[in-house]
Amino acid sequence: MQFVHRTFSVADYVIFGIMLVASTAIGSYYAIKDRKKKNTDDYLLAGRSMSPYPVAFSLSVSFMSAVLILGTPAEVYRFGTMYGWYIAAFLTVTIITAEVFIPTFYNMGLSSVYEYLEYRFNRPVRLAATVIYMIQTILYIGIVVYAPALALNAVTGLNLWGAVVSTGIVCIIYSSLGGLKAVVWTDAVQCVFMLIGFIAILIQGCILMGGIENVWRKSVEGGRIDFLRFDTDPRVRHSFWSINVGAIFISLYLWGVNQAQVQRYLSCRSLKDAKIAIYVNWVGLLLLNSLAILCGLVMYAYYKDCDPVKLKVVARHDQLIAYMVLDIFQNNPGMPGIFLSSVYAGSLSSVSTGITALSSVTVQDFMKPCLPNWSDEKFFWASRALVVIYGLLAIFFAYLTSQLGAILQAAISIMGLVGGPLVGVFTLGMIFPCANSIGALCGLLTGVASTTWVFIGSKVYKPLPEFSRELSYSTTMCTNLTTPATTSAMMITSSPVNMTLAVMTSSPVNMTSPAMTQRPPIADLYSMSYVYYSAFGFLFTMVFGLGVSFATGGYKQRKKVDPNLHYPIFDHWLFSWLPSSVRRKCWCGVKRDAIGSRSDEGHQDVPITMTTEALMSNNHEESPIPAGEKSKVITNTDP
């Protein structure tokens, strides 16, 4: 195999430009169409009038980003197909989200998911969760702009800062002009680009390899086909249990209690449509992840006996899919442009999702309580300005990323560490009436501290190689090797699902592990799989949250919890076999008779109509509701 340094052609850049223009045009269209609707409900929640299907496409690509395209094939190339169990974990999370979180949030008519925490606990809990979310998202959107640009620059010579700035500017334009409606529809178009990119790679790769049968055979021979690791050792990087248990908690954060996704559920016309959107979203995740895994197998079969990374033709495996695209489509101008568009479609969807969500929580959680006399039109213009500000911040943080280098690996990973604690604090509120505000705040902060502590320990005492199980590569068939494309850039990938495929198998260059003989017993805790981090944080949040709540009188206050803020999980139709007397005891004293019984659909049979004054009066701990939200009415619009 001969390695040649190639780059994109004029035709490729034309196709890339068409994708950027199409994204901008959608934003402009909705800006003109809805120019008379100058209120935050229309701008940040699309007037709560969206069809479930574009919302489902948007949900599918919002957090898959460019890392799905660049990182997942590299994961399969290096570690095999155990990653595929994430699809099953996504299904579990989809069901929990549809049956527990969506009904609770939708029936309350929220604009910010963190409003729930103030109604259930108090304002400090709400603000703590909001600040943690904002820090994570700001970090994420900067990385998701920079990472794919760096990968493609290193492999193809694509102008790094031209790509970074164009991505940021296009996101700012269509997100600020058209609001959430433009973001959702643009995501749907970008999802199509991602699908086309994957399918093109898969078809061309299989043709060159003599069919999918040969790809599968080579992958089996190389040990890449592996779904049957059932190790219970928590130090094993990927196993059936680590993914189907550990990954559920970070995924619950992403699809269950993350503002960016909840904002999309709330934009649907009814609770039924919101549920349809999340279930169709899983079908999209199944399709996108399956194609990414298959492309990883094609990539392995293509480079099975001549690994470009081992020969230093490319710097990292995350760059390999881009190199292969230029290789297999060298006689097909324009086809690499489809791949380029699919990578940046992923980036655009993630960045636009992030900046609109940040704008929403800033307005709802900070500005409205502090500016009760502002009109809704003023908040509309503030929301639009904040989208621009956060978009520029994404570009600025992309610049910081380029300056900080390997230190950023730790920063990216920390983004994934807050998911479990945030799921934990919402679970305390919805499922446990005995949880109070002191317990919730202590649990949240303890959960974040615990996961951060374990992550830092894993950088000092790195996990042993036998737990990562990276598979071998070969260079036995490399012939006529030309001078490799020189690059010293390190590809940094980020993902809210797996936090970073590369981070967990490497550490910052300025950190060294003590000798194996010096590893203390605590090093085994630090060696836990990164997939368990969120589960670890969730556990700490629950234990400390409930413990502190009981110690501070939470059990005595449980009967004062408003029933609309409590989800009676044992009233779901799955537990209909339980006697009604047992299910009533599981209410833990919450006066659910006031709102009627639950139906088999998992939501209230009767509409909820309650002002925030009545809602808050049930919990004497609560701080006064902000004046700007006194008129809020909570209704169930599900037919």
Foldseek 3Di string as FASTA:
>chain_A
DAADFAAADPLLVVLLVVLLVVLLVLLQVLLVVCVVPQFCCCFLQVVLADFLALLLLLLQLQFCALCLQLPLLLLLLWFADLVVLLLVLLVVLLVCQLQFQLQLVQLQLDLFLLVLVCLLFALVLSVVVLVLLLLLLLLVLLQSLQQVLLLNCQRHVPDRLVSSVSLLVSLLNSCLSNHPVSLSNSSNVLLVLLLVLLVVLLVLLQVVQVHPVSLVVLCVVQVRHDNAAADPQLLFQGHSCLSNPLLNQLSCLSQRRRLLNSSSLSSHNASVSSSVSSVVSSVSNSSSNVSSSSSSSSLCSVCQAADCCVVPLGVDSSSSSLSVQCVSCVVPRNSSSSVVNSNSSSSSSNNSSSQSSSLSCCCPSPVCLVCLPDDSSVSSVSSSVSSSVSSVSSSVVNVVCVVVAQVCLLVLLLSLLLRLLVVLLLCCFAQPLLFHNVLSVVLSVQLSVVLNVLQVLCQQAPADPVSHNTGDGHRNPDDPYDDRSDDDHDRWDAGSSQSGSPSNRDHRPVHDYDPPVPDDPCSSSSSRHSSNSSVSSSVSSNVSRNVVSVVVRSLVLSLLQAPSRYQLVCLAPVNVVDDPVVSVVSSSNHPCVVQPGDDNSSHGPDWAWDFSVVSNVSGPSYDDDRSSRRRRIRIRPHD
